[in-house]
Amino acid sequence: MIERISKIALLAAVALFMALIAFNNITDYGSNFDFVQHVLSMDTTFPGNQLKWRAISTSALHHAFYWTIIAWETLSGLGIAAGALALWRARRQSAAVFNATKSLAVGALTANLVLWFTAFLTVGAEWFVMWQSQVWNGQMAATRMFTCVGLVLLILKTPDTDPVVPSGRDGSAG
């Protein structure tokens, strides 16, 4: 049972973290909006950067990108929380039922991984060359998030088994 509780606790921790990230992004909108704006504008990349043709300087698009990120964080976090709740409810069920119940959490964790890998490490860091910025570089944070969420996904995906009852201890004559 401890393995199941551990998986549920890790999911709940990721859900809480995503809730705090989304809450902070909404209630302190300007702080991380500045990050998105600078990354998309490419205004702190290397001087003479030949890739600045990719820059987006339209404020409405900056807001659209940022709201997409916030929505993605929120929805994946809600999916992770719902997956943790579903697994909590199934924690005393057979291994087959518990393993089948993991699908919502697996999908939500995967959606979260796609956010960090695609939006930040691929689009932000490579397309908008965020890695060139000394100030607006979120690669370390995105890598940390991708790694933490990925580890939780790997732990969750380890198959659960039904307990083995030693012969004679299940009430039979043995």
Protein backbone atom coordinates (compact mmCIF):
# COMPACT_ATOMS: atom_id res chain seq x y z
CA MET A 1 0.00 0.00 0.00
CA ILE A 2 2.89 2.39 0.71
CA GLU A 3 3.89 2.36 -2.97
CA ARG A 4 0.38 3.41 -4.00
CA ILE A 5 0.22 6.14 -1.37
CA SER A 6 3.66 7.37 -2.50
CA LYS A 7 2.49 7.66 -6.10
CA ILE A 8 -0.65 9.51 -5.05
CA ALA A 9 1.36 11.86 -2.80
CA LEU A 10 3.79 12.68 -5.61
CA LEU A 11 0.90 13.42 -7.95
CA ALA A 12 -0.70 15.66 -5.34
CA ALA A 13 2.61 17.48 -4.88
CA VAL A 14 2.89 18.16 -8.62
CA ALA A 15 -0.75 19.30 -8.72
CA LEU A 16 -0.11 21.69 -5.82
CA PHE A 17 3.02 23.03 -7.51
CA MET A 18 1.14 23.62 -10.76
CA ALA A 19 -1.68 25.33 -8.85
CA LEU A 20 0.83 27.68 -7.22
CA ILE A 21 2.51 28.41 -10.55
CA ALA A 22 -0.80 29.20 -12.24
CA PHE A 23 -2.02 31.23 -9.23
CA ASN A 24 1.22 33.25 -9.17
CA ASN A 25 1.07 33.86 -12.92
CA ILE A 26 -2.49 35.15 -12.64
CA THR A 27 -2.15 37.21 -9.45
CA ASP A 28 1.28 38.62 -10.35
CA TYR A 29 0.64 38.70 -14.07
CA GLY A 30 3.25 41.34 -14.87
CA SER A 31 6.29 39.51 -13.49
CA ASN A 32 6.20 36.53 -15.82
CA PHE A 33 4.53 38.49 -18.60
CA ASP A 34 7.75 40.52 -18.77
CA PHE A 35 9.62 37.22 -19.19
CA VAL A 36 7.39 36.12 -22.09
CA GLN A 37 7.54 39.56 -23.68
CA HIS A 38 11.35 39.71 -23.61
CA VAL A 39 11.80 36.14 -24.85
CA LEU A 40 9.40 36.66 -27.78
CA SER A 41 10.85 40.09 -28.57
CA MET A 42 14.37 38.64 -28.50
CA ASP A 43 15.57 41.99 -27.19
CA THR A 44 18.21 40.55 -24.86
CA THR A 45 19.81 38.04 -27.24
CA PHE A 46 23.35 38.48 -28.55
CA PRO A 47 24.04 41.68 -30.48
CA GLY A 48 24.02 41.08 -34.23
CA ASN A 49 21.93 37.94 -33.82
CA GLN A 50 20.98 36.75 -37.33
CA LEU A 51 17.84 35.04 -35.98
CA LYS A 52 16.07 38.21 -34.79
CA TRP A 53 13.74 37.98 -37.78
CA ARG A 54 11.87 35.46 -35.63
CA ALA A 55 11.08 38.08 -32.96
CA ILE A 56 7.46 38.85 -32.18
CA SER A 57 6.94 42.42 -31.02
CA THR A 58 3.13 42.53 -30.98
CA SER A 59 1.85 42.95 -27.42
CA ALA A 60 -1.41 41.12 -28.17
CA LEU A 61 0.57 38.05 -29.27
CA HIS A 62 2.70 38.26 -26.11
CA HIS A 63 -0.48 38.15 -24.03
CA ALA A 64 -1.87 35.29 -26.15
CA PHE A 65 1.31 33.26 -25.65
CA TYR A 66 1.26 33.96 -21.91
CA TRP A 67 -2.42 33.07 -21.47
CA THR A 68 -1.83 29.87 -23.41
CA ILE A 69 0.95 28.94 -21.00
CA ILE A 70 -1.23 29.78 -17.97
CA ALA A 71 -4.13 27.75 -19.37
CA TRP A 72 -1.82 24.82 -20.13
CA GLU A 73 -0.38 24.92 -16.60
CA THR A 74 -3.86 25.14 -15.10
CA LEU A 75 -5.43 22.38 -17.18
CA SER A 76 -2.55 19.96 -16.77
CA GLY A 77 -2.48 20.71 -13.03
CA LEU A 78 -6.20 20.04 -12.74
CA GLY A 79 -5.76 16.80 -14.68
CA ILE A 80 -2.95 15.74 -12.38
CA ALA A 81 -5.10 16.55 -9.32
CA ALA A 82 -8.04 14.62 -10.78
CA GLY A 83 -5.69 11.70 -11.49
CA ALA A 84 -4.43 11.76 -7.90
CA LEU A 85 -8.01 11.77 -6.61
CA ALA A 86 -8.99 8.88 -8.90
CA LEU A 87 -6.01 6.87 -7.68
CA TRP A 88 -6.84 7.68 -4.06
CA ARG A 89 -10.30 6.27 -4.62
CA ALA A 90 -8.82 3.15 -6.29
CA ARG A 91 -6.01 2.62 -3.78
CA ARG A 92 -7.66 -0.44 -2.17
CA GLN A 93 -8.72 -1.99 -5.48
CA SER A 94 -6.92 -4.75 -7.34
CA ALA A 95 -3.68 -4.00 -9.14
CA ALA A 96 -5.49 -4.25 -12.48
CA VAL A 97 -8.01 -1.58 -11.44
CA PHE A 98 -5.34 0.65 -9.87
CA ASN A 99 -3.08 0.39 -12.93
CA ALA A 100 -6.00 1.15 -15.27
CA THR A 101 -6.90 4.20 -13.17
CA LYS A 102 -3.46 5.72 -13.81
CA SER A 103 -4.36 6.79 -17.36
CA LEU A 104 -5.74 10.23 -16.43
CA ALA A 105 -2.66 11.09 -14.38
CA VAL A 106 -0.34 9.73 -17.08
CA GLY A 107 -2.05 11.88 -19.69
CA ALA A 108 -1.98 15.01 -17.52
CA LEU A 109 1.68 14.51 -16.55
CA THR A 110 2.52 14.02 -20.22
CA ALA A 111 0.67 17.23 -21.13
CA ASN A 112 2.70 18.99 -18.46
CA LEU A 113 5.96 17.56 -19.81
CA VAL A 114 5.00 18.73 -23.29
CA LEU A 115 4.53 22.25 -21.90
CA TRP A 116 8.01 22.44 -20.40
CA PHE A 117 9.73 20.69 -23.28
CA THR A 118 7.89 22.35 -26.17
CA ALA A 119 6.98 25.83 -24.95
CA PHE A 120 10.12 26.55 -22.96
CA LEU A 121 12.97 24.30 -24.12
CA THR A 122 12.05 24.06 -27.80
CA VAL A 123 10.15 27.23 -28.72
CA GLY A 124 11.56 29.59 -26.09
CA ALA A 125 15.13 28.37 -25.84
CA GLU A 126 15.75 27.34 -29.44
CA TRP A 127 13.34 29.20 -31.72
CA PHE A 128 13.55 32.49 -29.81
CA VAL A 129 17.13 31.69 -28.66
CA MET A 130 16.31 32.40 -25.03
CA TRP A 131 19.60 30.68 -24.17
CA GLN A 132 21.42 33.79 -25.39
CA SER A 133 19.83 36.02 -22.75
CA GLN A 134 21.64 36.67 -19.49
CA VAL A 135 18.42 37.97 -17.91
CA TRP A 136 15.41 36.22 -19.51
CA ASN A 137 16.61 32.63 -19.70
CA GLY A 138 14.18 30.07 -18.28
CA GLN A 139 16.00 26.94 -19.42
CA MET A 140 17.13 25.92 -15.93
CA ALA A 141 13.65 26.26 -14.45
CA ALA A 142 12.05 24.44 -17.40
CA THR A 143 14.63 21.64 -17.19
CA ARG A 144 14.02 21.33 -13.45
CA MET A 145 10.27 21.11 -14.02
CA PHE A 146 10.62 18.64 -16.89
CA THR A 147 12.90 16.46 -14.77
CA CYS A 148 10.69 16.51 -11.66
CA VAL A 149 7.47 15.83 -13.56
CA GLY A 150 9.21 13.19 -15.68
CA LEU A 151 10.44 11.37 -12.57
CA VAL A 152 6.92 11.37 -11.12
CA LEU A 153 5.62 9.95 -14.40
CA LEU A 154 8.24 7.17 -14.36
CA ILE A 155 7.44 6.32 -10.74
CA LEU A 156 3.72 6.32 -11.49
CA LYS A 157 4.23 4.02 -14.48
CA THR A 158 5.88 1.30 -12.41
CA PRO A 159 3.28 -1.46 -12.36
CA ASP A 160 1.43 -2.16 -9.18
CA THR A 161 0.86 -5.77 -8.19
CA ASP A 162 -1.55 -7.48 -5.86
CA PRO A 163 -0.02 -8.54 -2.55
CA VAL A 164 1.15 -12.11 -2.39
CA VAL A 165 -0.38 -13.91 0.57
CA PRO A 166 1.88 -16.64 1.90
CA SER A 167 0.40 -20.13 1.82
CA GLY A 168 -1.61 -20.93 4.91
CA ARG A 169 -2.11 -17.31 5.96
CA ASP A 170 -5.18 -16.66 3.84
CA GLY A 171 -7.46 -18.76 5.99
CA SER A 172 -7.12 -21.92 3.87
CA ALA A 173 -5.97 -25.26 5.17
CA GLY A 174 -2.76 -24.74 3.28
